[in-house]
Amino acid sequence: MRPFFFFSYAHRDQLAGGSFVDQFFSDLRDELALLEPTAGPDVLGYRDTERLRLGDDWEQQLSGTVATCRTLVALYSPAYFASAYCGKEWAAFNERMIRHRDLTGRSVPALIPVIWEPPSAELPAEVLRIQYLQHDLGEAYAADGLRALLRADPRGPDYLRVVRVIAERVRESAAQCLAELPSLDLGRVDGWSRAPVEEQLSARPGLVRLFVAAGRATRGDGPSAEPAGGGWYGPEPWDWAPYHPPTLPSLVARAQQVITRAGHITTMDEIGPGLAGELDRAREGNQVSVLLVDPWSAGQEPYRQALREFDDQNHPVTGVLLPVGTDDPPDGPARARLWEGVRTVFPRNWLHRSGPEPLFRVKVTRERFESELLRAVTVAQNRLLDEEDNGGDPHTVRASFGLEPDAPKLPGLAIPAGPVPAARRLPAIETRTPALHPLPVADRPSRGELQS
C-alpha cells in the first residue's frame, strides 16, 4: 500500500495545539477523498498516531512509509525545523526525489510544504530550494500560517482554499509515480544540515534597550473576567499582557526574562516624544533596541507621533514587535481596521515587513514571541557589527558584545534605564496578577482614531 501522502509534523506542534493538527489532517484527507473517490481512508493519508499499534517497531514502519509514499506533506514551523526526526523524514524524502531525477531525468515535486507557523529563523539551504509559497494561497496564509487561519475560522474561505490547493497538489504529484527507495533506515539518515533553530537563536551578549507602547486600564481596581481587545492592562504600560490567560504578569517582564536568559542586560522605558533621540544615543553607544507596541494603542497619543517619527527615519538596529492578542477579533472588518490603523502609523516599515531578515515583526503570536524577539535582537546586533562608521574602530563594537579577547564579561542582569518603581521590577513567574484587568471597550481606539 502506497499512501497518497505521508504527514510529517513536529510533535511539539501537536502538543501545543493538537486539535488544530488533527483537524487539518482530517480536512486534507477528506478533500483528497473528493478528488480520489475510489481510494480508501488508509490509502489517502498516513499519520503515525493513527497507524502505529502497541508493539510496532515505529522507526521501521515510518522508514518503510517514507520510502514508498507518493508524496510527503511537511508542516513547516519553528518546532518542525528544531526537530531532528522531522529533519530525517524531510531529508530522506528529498533524497528520493533527487534519486528519481537522476534515474529518469524527470523531477517530481512530491515534497509539499505547508506553512503551519512561519519559521522564525533562516531555513536550511536545501529547504530554500523548494518553493513553499504561491500566490493563490493568500496573503493571510503567507503572513501568519495555516494554524492562524484555522484558529480564526475553521470553516473560513482562507483556510478552506489552502486545504483545497494542497489536496490538488497531492493528487497531481502522486500521479507522477515517484520511484520508491529499495531500503531506508531513518535512524541512519542525517537531518538538517545545520544546528537546530534554538541553538541559532542565541544572540551575542550585549545591552538591549526595551521601549514599550501600551494602554493603561482606567476602570476598577480588580481583575475582570474577560479581557477586551488588546489583552490585559494595568496602571502602567509595562503591565500589558496581550496573551490570555497571561503566563507572566506582563509581556515586558517576559521579554526581559528571555533577553537576560540569552546573556544580555536590558533597560526598559516607555515610548515618548524623545524616542528617536534615545534610539540614536543607543546606537552610538553600540546598543540595540526593541520596541514592544500594542497595536490597539499605536494610533493613539502619547505614542502615535513618536512612532510616526520613528517610521520616517532610518533606525537599522532597532526591532519592532507588534503582538496579535489571543482575544483580538478574528479575521473580519474589526481586525482589518486594527491592522490598517497600524499600517497608517508605520507606512514605511509596513512595506518591508516580509523582506529578508525583517526587524519589523507584526501579528506575533504567543507561540512565536520568544523566538521572534531573539531573532530581532540577533539581526539588530549583526547589523550593528557590520557598520563601518563607528569612529573608525570596529573593535569598539565587538568589545561591546564581549567578542574581543580583553572584553569584560557582561552580567546577565535586567537593569532599568532609571529609577525603578515596584511595578517595573522583573516579577517571578505567575499565572495572573490581580493588578491586571482589561482595557474598557470605551477606552479602545475608534476606527477614526486608528486611521488618523
Protein backbone atom coordinates (compact mmCIF):
# COMPACT_ATOMS: atom_id res chain seq x y z
CA MET A 1 0.00 0.00 0.00
CA ARG A 2 1.39 3.41 -1.04
CA PRO A 3 -0.46 6.26 0.75
CA PHE A 4 -1.08 9.38 -1.27
CA PHE A 5 0.69 11.44 1.39
CA PHE A 6 2.85 10.98 4.46
CA PHE A 7 2.00 13.56 7.14
CA SER A 8 5.28 14.94 8.52
CA TYR A 9 4.83 17.26 11.51
CA ALA A 10 6.51 18.23 14.79
CA HIS A 11 5.06 16.57 17.88
CA ARG A 12 5.66 19.85 19.71
CA ASP A 13 3.08 21.43 17.40
CA GLN A 14 0.74 18.55 18.18
CA LEU A 15 1.16 19.11 21.93
CA ALA A 16 0.72 22.89 21.59
CA GLY A 17 -2.48 22.65 19.57
CA GLY A 18 -3.37 19.05 18.88
CA SER A 19 -6.93 19.70 17.79
CA PHE A 20 -5.71 22.04 15.03
CA VAL A 21 -3.18 19.50 13.72
CA ASP A 22 -5.83 16.76 13.88
CA GLN A 23 -8.37 18.86 12.01
CA PHE A 24 -6.01 19.81 9.21
CA PHE A 25 -5.01 16.18 8.65
CA SER A 26 -8.68 15.13 8.57
CA ASP A 27 -9.72 18.03 6.32
CA LEU A 28 -6.87 17.36 3.89
CA ARG A 29 -7.74 13.67 3.72
CA ASP A 30 -11.45 14.45 3.21
CA GLU A 31 -10.70 16.95 0.45
CA LEU A 32 -8.44 14.42 -1.25
CA ALA A 33 -11.21 11.81 -0.98
CA LEU A 34 -13.42 14.08 -3.10
CA LEU A 35 -10.72 14.12 -5.77
CA GLU A 36 -9.99 10.37 -5.46
CA PRO A 37 -13.38 8.82 -4.58
CA THR A 38 -12.23 5.22 -5.14
CA ALA A 39 -9.36 5.43 -2.63
CA GLY A 40 -9.99 4.27 0.93
CA PRO A 41 -9.04 6.33 4.01
CA ASP A 42 -5.98 4.17 4.71
CA VAL A 43 -4.64 4.81 1.21
CA LEU A 44 -5.25 8.56 1.24
CA GLY A 45 -3.00 9.64 4.11
CA TYR A 46 -0.55 8.17 6.61
CA ARG A 47 -0.07 9.59 10.08
CA ASP A 48 1.90 7.87 12.83
CA THR A 49 -0.67 8.41 15.59
CA GLU A 50 -3.35 6.63 13.55
CA ARG A 51 -1.33 3.70 12.20
CA LEU A 52 1.15 2.67 14.88
CA ARG A 53 -0.13 -0.02 17.23
CA LEU A 54 1.11 -1.40 20.53
CA GLY A 55 4.28 -3.40 19.95
CA ASP A 56 5.06 -1.99 16.47
CA ASP A 57 8.63 -1.10 15.55
CA TRP A 58 7.79 2.55 14.98
CA GLU A 59 11.06 3.51 13.29
CA GLN A 60 10.87 0.57 10.90
CA GLN A 61 7.28 1.38 9.96
CA LEU A 62 7.99 5.09 9.45
CA SER A 63 11.07 4.24 7.38
CA GLY A 64 9.07 1.94 5.12
CA THR A 65 6.32 4.51 4.63
CA VAL A 66 8.69 7.39 3.83
CA ALA A 67 10.43 5.10 1.33
CA THR A 68 7.20 4.24 -0.51
CA CYS A 69 4.57 7.01 -0.02
CA ARG A 70 3.63 9.02 -3.09
CA THR A 71 4.06 12.49 -1.55
CA LEU A 72 5.17 13.99 1.75
CA VAL A 73 3.21 16.89 3.30
CA ALA A 74 5.53 18.78 5.69
CA LEU A 75 4.12 21.20 8.30
CA TYR A 76 6.77 23.94 8.41
CA SER A 77 7.11 25.72 11.77
CA PRO A 78 9.87 26.71 14.21
CA ALA A 79 9.24 23.40 16.02
CA TYR A 80 9.50 21.45 12.75
CA PHE A 81 12.94 22.82 11.97
CA ALA A 82 14.07 22.27 15.55
CA SER A 83 13.07 18.58 15.38
CA ALA A 84 15.87 16.19 14.47
CA TYR A 85 13.43 13.48 13.41
CA CYS A 86 11.43 15.81 11.17
CA GLY A 87 14.76 16.62 9.56
CA LYS A 88 15.34 12.91 8.91
CA GLU A 89 11.92 12.46 7.29
CA TRP A 90 12.38 15.56 5.15
CA ALA A 91 15.95 14.68 4.10
CA ALA A 92 15.09 11.05 3.28
CA PHE A 93 12.16 12.02 1.08
CA ASN A 94 14.17 14.78 -0.60
CA GLU A 95 16.82 12.17 -1.40
CA ARG A 96 14.11 10.03 -3.02
CA MET A 97 13.21 12.91 -5.33
CA ILE A 98 16.87 13.51 -6.23
CA ARG A 99 17.40 9.79 -6.91
CA HIS A 100 14.30 9.68 -9.13
CA ARG A 101 15.51 12.68 -11.13
CA ASP A 102 18.96 11.14 -11.59
CA LEU A 103 17.48 7.81 -12.75
CA THR A 104 14.72 9.11 -15.03
CA GLY A 105 15.68 12.66 -15.94
CA ARG A 106 12.27 13.84 -14.62
CA SER A 107 11.66 15.91 -11.49
CA VAL A 108 8.61 15.03 -9.40
CA PRO A 109 7.66 17.85 -6.94
CA ALA A 110 6.30 15.40 -4.37
CA LEU A 111 7.55 17.18 -1.22
CA ILE A 112 4.71 19.58 -0.43
CA PRO A 113 5.41 22.24 2.23
CA VAL A 114 2.62 23.72 4.36
CA ILE A 115 3.36 26.84 6.42
CA TRP A 116 1.89 25.87 9.78
CA GLU A 117 3.62 28.74 11.60
CA PRO A 118 6.08 30.96 9.72
CA PRO A 119 9.59 29.76 10.64
CA SER A 120 11.35 32.43 12.65
CA ALA A 121 14.90 31.54 11.64
CA GLU A 122 16.75 31.23 8.34
CA LEU A 123 15.84 27.98 6.64
CA PRO A 124 18.45 25.39 5.64
CA ALA A 125 19.80 25.88 2.14
CA GLU A 126 18.29 22.62 0.88
CA VAL A 127 14.85 23.70 2.16
CA LEU A 128 15.01 27.05 0.37
CA ARG A 129 15.42 25.25 -2.96
CA ILE A 130 11.82 24.03 -2.70
CA GLN A 131 9.17 26.71 -3.22
CA TYR A 132 6.82 26.89 -0.23
CA LEU A 133 4.56 29.83 -1.19
CA GLN A 134 2.35 30.56 -4.18
CA HIS A 135 0.06 33.48 -4.90
CA ASP A 136 -3.26 31.62 -4.78
CA LEU A 137 -2.73 30.58 -1.15
CA GLY A 138 -3.48 34.12 0.02
CA GLU A 139 -1.69 36.90 1.87
CA ALA A 140 -3.02 35.88 5.31
CA TYR A 141 -1.58 32.38 4.90
CA ALA A 142 1.82 33.75 3.84
CA ALA A 143 1.95 36.16 6.79
CA ASP A 144 0.55 34.05 9.63
CA GLY A 145 0.48 30.41 8.54
CA LEU A 146 -2.27 27.83 8.35
CA ARG A 147 -2.69 27.38 12.10
CA ALA A 148 -3.74 31.03 12.46
CA LEU A 149 -6.31 30.67 9.66
CA LEU A 150 -7.70 27.51 11.20
CA ARG A 151 -7.88 29.04 14.63
CA ALA A 152 -9.61 32.19 13.33
CA ASP A 153 -12.29 30.29 11.39
CA PRO A 154 -12.10 26.52 10.82
CA ARG A 155 -14.68 26.81 8.02
CA GLY A 156 -13.45 30.13 6.67
CA PRO A 157 -12.71 30.66 2.96
CA ASP A 158 -9.00 31.41 3.53
CA TYR A 159 -8.40 28.14 5.38
CA LEU A 160 -10.52 26.01 3.03
CA ARG A 161 -8.78 27.49 -0.01
CA VAL A 162 -5.38 26.37 1.29
CA VAL A 163 -6.70 22.87 2.06
CA ARG A 164 -8.10 22.60 -1.47
CA VAL A 165 -4.86 23.78 -3.11
CA ILE A 166 -2.75 21.35 -1.05
CA ALA A 167 -5.09 18.44 -1.83
CA GLU A 168 -4.94 19.21 -5.55
CA ARG A 169 -1.15 19.36 -5.38
CA VAL A 170 -1.02 15.99 -3.58
CA ARG A 171 -3.20 14.39 -6.25
CA GLU A 172 -1.19 15.91 -9.11
CA SER A 173 2.19 14.88 -7.67
CA ALA A 174 1.00 11.41 -6.62
CA ALA A 175 0.00 10.68 -10.22
CA GLN A 176 3.64 11.13 -11.34
CA CYS A 177 4.75 7.93 -9.57
CA LEU A 178 7.88 8.86 -7.64
CA ALA A 179 10.26 5.90 -7.51
CA GLU A 180 10.45 4.02 -4.21
CA LEU A 181 13.64 3.54 -2.25
CA PRO A 182 14.69 -0.11 -2.08
CA SER A 183 15.54 0.27 1.61
CA LEU A 184 15.55 3.05 4.15
CA ASP A 185 16.59 3.31 7.79
CA LEU A 186 15.61 6.73 9.15
CA GLY A 187 17.84 6.15 12.16
CA ARG A 188 20.87 6.37 9.85
CA VAL A 189 19.70 9.44 7.94
CA ASP A 190 21.34 12.78 8.64
CA GLY A 191 18.77 15.51 9.28
CA TRP A 192 19.09 19.23 8.84
CA SER A 193 22.46 20.44 7.58
CA ARG A 194 22.75 22.96 10.40
CA ALA A 195 22.17 23.34 14.13
CA PRO A 196 18.59 23.34 15.43
CA VAL A 197 16.73 26.64 15.48
CA GLU A 198 17.04 27.07 19.25
CA GLU A 199 20.84 27.00 19.06
CA GLN A 200 20.92 29.55 16.24
CA LEU A 201 18.71 31.99 18.07
CA SER A 202 21.24 32.60 20.84
CA ALA A 203 22.36 36.17 20.17
CA ARG A 204 25.66 37.80 21.14
CA PRO A 205 25.78 39.23 24.66
CA GLY A 206 25.13 42.96 24.84
CA LEU A 207 22.87 45.71 26.14
CA VAL A 208 19.32 45.62 24.75
CA ARG A 209 17.07 48.62 25.33
CA LEU A 210 13.34 47.86 25.54
CA PHE A 211 10.73 50.54 24.79
CA VAL A 212 7.02 49.87 25.30
CA ALA A 213 3.85 51.50 23.97
CA ALA A 214 0.67 50.07 25.51
CA GLY A 215 -2.61 51.15 27.00
CA ARG A 216 -3.48 51.63 30.64
CA ALA A 217 -6.52 50.33 32.48
CA THR A 218 -8.79 53.10 33.71
CA ARG A 219 -11.65 51.14 35.25
CA GLY A 220 -11.89 49.46 38.63
CA ASP A 221 -9.26 48.09 40.95
CA GLY A 222 -9.58 44.36 40.44
CA PRO A 223 -9.38 41.93 37.55
CA SER A 224 -12.28 41.41 35.20
CA ALA A 225 -13.45 38.01 33.98
CA GLU A 226 -13.00 38.66 30.27
CA PRO A 227 -10.24 40.65 28.54
CA ALA A 228 -11.05 43.31 25.96
CA GLY A 229 -9.29 43.79 22.66
CA GLY A 230 -5.55 44.21 23.18
CA GLY A 231 -5.37 41.96 26.24
CA TRP A 232 -4.96 42.69 29.94
CA TYR A 233 -3.83 46.11 31.14
CA GLY A 234 -2.68 47.63 34.40
CA PRO A 235 -1.89 51.11 35.70
CA GLU A 236 1.37 51.32 33.71
CA PRO A 237 2.14 50.41 30.07
CA TRP A 238 4.61 47.69 31.12
CA ASP A 239 1.74 45.83 32.83
CA TRP A 240 0.28 44.97 29.41
CA ALA A 241 -0.34 41.23 28.80
CA PRO A 242 -1.77 40.57 25.31
CA TYR A 243 -1.78 36.78 25.61
CA HIS A 244 -4.72 35.38 27.56
CA PRO A 245 -4.53 33.92 30.09
CA PRO A 246 -1.22 35.67 30.82
CA THR A 247 1.52 33.16 31.66
CA LEU A 248 3.61 36.00 33.08
CA PRO A 249 2.43 39.20 34.75
CA SER A 250 3.30 41.18 31.62
CA LEU A 251 4.79 40.96 28.15
CA VAL A 252 7.63 43.27 29.14
CA ALA A 253 8.52 41.01 32.07
CA ARG A 254 8.54 38.03 29.74
CA ALA A 255 10.73 39.92 27.25
CA GLN A 256 13.20 40.80 30.00
CA GLN A 257 13.42 37.19 31.09
CA VAL A 258 14.00 35.99 27.52
CA ILE A 259 16.70 38.60 26.92
CA THR A 260 18.54 38.03 30.19
CA ARG A 261 18.41 34.24 29.75
CA ALA A 262 20.24 34.80 26.47
CA GLY A 263 23.05 36.51 28.40
CA HIS A 264 22.22 40.18 27.82
CA ILE A 265 21.43 43.05 30.11
CA THR A 266 18.40 45.20 29.41
CA THR A 267 16.83 48.55 30.18
CA MET A 268 13.17 49.49 29.94
CA ASP A 269 11.40 52.75 29.07
CA GLU A 270 8.06 53.98 27.81
CA ILE A 271 7.90 55.27 24.24
CA GLY A 272 7.59 59.05 24.22
CA PRO A 273 8.40 62.23 22.25
CA GLY A 274 12.15 61.72 22.65
CA LEU A 275 12.17 58.20 21.21
CA ALA A 276 14.22 58.98 18.11
CA GLY A 277 16.95 60.64 20.16
CA GLU A 278 17.04 57.74 22.61
CA LEU A 279 17.45 55.26 19.75
CA ASP A 280 20.22 57.33 18.19
CA ARG A 281 22.08 57.52 21.51
CA ALA A 282 21.68 53.77 21.97
CA ARG A 283 23.13 53.14 18.52
CA GLU A 284 26.06 55.50 19.20
CA GLY A 285 26.69 53.52 22.40
CA ASN A 286 26.73 50.21 20.46
CA GLN A 287 23.37 49.15 21.88
CA VAL A 288 20.40 47.66 20.06
CA SER A 289 16.78 48.48 20.85
CA VAL A 290 13.43 46.73 20.63
CA LEU A 291 10.01 48.43 20.58
CA LEU A 292 7.12 46.40 22.03
CA VAL A 293 4.00 48.05 20.61
CA ASP A 294 0.36 47.37 21.46
CA PRO A 295 -1.45 47.60 18.10
CA TRP A 296 -4.55 48.93 19.88
CA SER A 297 -2.53 51.87 21.25
CA ALA A 298 -0.17 52.59 18.33
CA GLY A 299 -2.56 55.09 16.74
CA GLN A 300 -3.28 56.98 19.96
CA GLU A 301 -1.32 59.61 21.83
CA PRO A 302 1.07 59.74 23.55
CA TYR A 303 2.52 57.17 21.12
CA ARG A 304 1.26 57.99 17.64
CA GLN A 305 3.50 60.96 16.89
CA ALA A 306 6.65 59.33 18.30
CA LEU A 307 6.01 56.14 16.29
CA ARG A 308 5.35 58.07 13.11
CA GLU A 309 8.62 59.96 13.54
CA PHE A 310 10.36 56.63 14.11
CA ASP A 311 8.90 55.30 10.86
CA ASP A 312 10.07 58.40 8.95
CA GLN A 313 13.68 57.85 9.98
CA ASN A 314 16.26 55.12 9.48
CA HIS A 315 16.85 53.01 12.59
CA PRO A 316 18.69 49.92 11.28
CA VAL A 317 19.50 48.45 14.70
CA THR A 318 16.01 48.69 16.23
CA GLY A 319 13.47 45.87 16.18
CA VAL A 320 9.70 46.33 16.44
CA LEU A 321 7.29 43.64 17.66
CA LEU A 322 3.51 44.06 17.46
CA PRO A 323 1.77 41.07 19.08
CA VAL A 324 -1.61 39.76 17.99
CA GLY A 325 -3.59 39.28 21.20
CA THR A 326 -5.24 35.93 21.84
CA ASP A 327 -8.53 37.76 22.37
CA ASP A 328 -8.28 40.12 19.41
CA PRO A 329 -11.18 39.87 16.96
CA PRO A 330 -10.98 37.09 14.33
CA ASP A 331 -10.50 37.85 10.67
CA GLY A 332 -13.13 40.35 9.60
CA PRO A 333 -13.82 44.10 9.46
CA ALA A 334 -12.76 44.83 13.07
CA ARG A 335 -9.44 43.01 12.69
CA ALA A 336 -8.82 44.62 9.31
CA ARG A 337 -9.42 48.10 10.78
CA LEU A 338 -6.98 47.40 13.60
CA TRP A 339 -4.09 46.44 11.32
CA GLU A 340 -4.95 49.11 8.78
CA GLY A 341 -4.53 51.57 11.65
CA VAL A 342 -1.10 50.09 12.39
CA ARG A 343 -0.18 50.42 8.71
CA THR A 344 -1.01 54.14 8.74
CA VAL A 345 1.34 54.67 11.71
CA PHE A 346 4.19 52.61 10.17
CA PRO A 347 3.76 53.03 6.37
CA ARG A 348 7.46 52.64 5.51
CA ASN A 349 8.17 49.73 7.83
CA TRP A 350 4.92 48.01 6.83
CA LEU A 351 6.14 47.76 3.23
CA HIS A 352 9.26 45.88 4.38
CA ARG A 353 7.64 43.57 6.92
CA SER A 354 8.11 40.49 4.70
CA GLY A 355 11.62 41.25 3.46
CA PRO A 356 14.74 39.23 4.26
CA GLU A 357 15.53 39.32 7.99
CA PRO A 358 12.91 41.99 8.82
CA LEU A 359 13.21 43.92 12.06
CA PHE A 360 9.55 44.96 11.84
CA ARG A 361 7.51 41.96 13.00
CA VAL A 362 3.71 42.13 13.11
CA LYS A 363 1.00 39.78 14.39
CA VAL A 364 3.41 37.99 16.70
CA THR A 365 1.63 35.10 18.40
CA ARG A 366 2.17 33.75 21.90
CA GLU A 367 3.96 30.70 20.50
CA ARG A 368 6.35 32.76 18.37
CA PHE A 369 7.05 35.65 20.74
CA GLU A 370 10.30 34.41 22.29
CA SER A 371 11.89 33.26 19.03
CA GLU A 372 10.78 36.43 17.20
CA LEU A 373 12.23 38.59 19.97
CA LEU A 374 15.59 36.82 19.95
CA ARG A 375 15.68 36.86 16.17
CA ALA A 376 15.11 40.64 16.17
CA VAL A 377 17.91 41.12 18.72
CA THR A 378 20.29 38.93 16.70
CA VAL A 379 19.55 40.68 13.39
CA ALA A 380 19.97 44.11 15.01
CA GLN A 381 23.29 43.10 16.55
CA ASN A 382 24.56 41.71 13.26
CA ARG A 383 23.71 44.99 11.55
CA LEU A 384 25.44 46.94 14.27
CA LEU A 385 28.56 44.81 13.89
CA ASP A 386 28.53 45.40 10.13
CA GLU A 387 28.50 49.18 10.42
CA GLU A 388 31.74 50.78 9.34
CA ASP A 389 31.24 54.28 10.68
CA ASN A 390 31.81 53.57 14.37
CA GLY A 391 34.62 56.07 14.91
CA GLY A 392 36.83 54.12 12.50
CA ASP A 393 37.30 51.39 15.11
CA PRO A 394 35.26 48.17 14.63
CA HIS A 395 36.91 46.75 17.78
CA THR A 396 34.78 49.14 19.85
CA VAL A 397 31.61 47.50 18.59
CA ARG A 398 32.96 43.97 19.02
CA ALA A 399 34.16 44.70 22.54
CA SER A 400 30.68 45.94 23.49
CA PHE A 401 29.41 42.43 22.72
CA GLY A 402 32.20 40.73 24.65
CA LEU A 403 33.82 39.47 21.42
CA GLU A 404 37.29 40.96 21.89
CA PRO A 405 39.91 38.97 23.87
CA ASP A 406 40.15 41.52 26.70
CA ALA A 407 36.48 42.47 26.80
CA PRO A 408 34.94 42.18 30.28
CA LYS A 409 32.14 39.68 30.77
CA LEU A 410 28.66 41.15 30.71
CA PRO A 411 26.38 40.44 33.66
CA GLY A 412 23.15 38.60 32.97
CA LEU A 413 21.01 41.05 34.91
CA ALA A 414 17.96 43.06 33.92
CA ILE A 415 18.53 46.71 34.76
CA PRO A 416 16.28 49.72 34.25
CA ALA A 417 17.15 52.91 32.45
CA GLY A 418 16.21 54.95 35.51
CA PRO A 419 14.68 54.59 38.97
CA VAL A 420 12.51 51.50 39.12
CA PRO A 421 9.01 51.68 40.55
CA ALA A 422 7.85 48.44 42.10
CA ALA A 423 5.64 47.63 39.11
CA ARG A 424 8.66 47.67 36.78
CA ARG A 425 10.81 45.17 38.63
CA LEU A 426 11.08 41.82 36.93
CA PRO A 427 8.45 39.66 38.65
CA ALA A 428 8.51 35.97 39.35
CA ILE A 429 6.51 33.71 37.05
CA GLU A 430 2.85 33.80 37.97
CA THR A 431 -0.36 32.69 36.32
CA ARG A 432 -2.18 36.01 36.76
CA THR A 433 -1.84 39.11 38.89
CA PRO A 434 -4.78 40.96 40.43
CA ALA A 435 -3.41 44.26 39.13
CA LEU A 436 -4.18 43.27 35.57
CA HIS A 437 -7.59 43.87 34.07
CA PRO A 438 -8.94 44.58 30.62
CA LEU A 439 -8.97 47.94 28.98
CA PRO A 440 -12.63 49.00 28.86
CA VAL A 441 -14.24 48.95 25.47
CA ALA A 442 -14.93 52.67 25.79
CA ASP A 443 -11.19 53.33 26.03
CA ARG A 444 -10.29 51.36 22.92
CA PRO A 445 -9.44 53.42 19.82
CA SER A 446 -12.18 54.00 17.31
CA ARG A 447 -11.74 53.35 13.62
CA GLY A 448 -11.18 57.03 13.02
CA GLU A 449 -8.52 57.23 15.73
CA LEU A 450 -6.71 54.23 14.32
CA GLN A 451 -6.65 55.62 10.81
CA SER A 452 -5.98 59.26 11.58
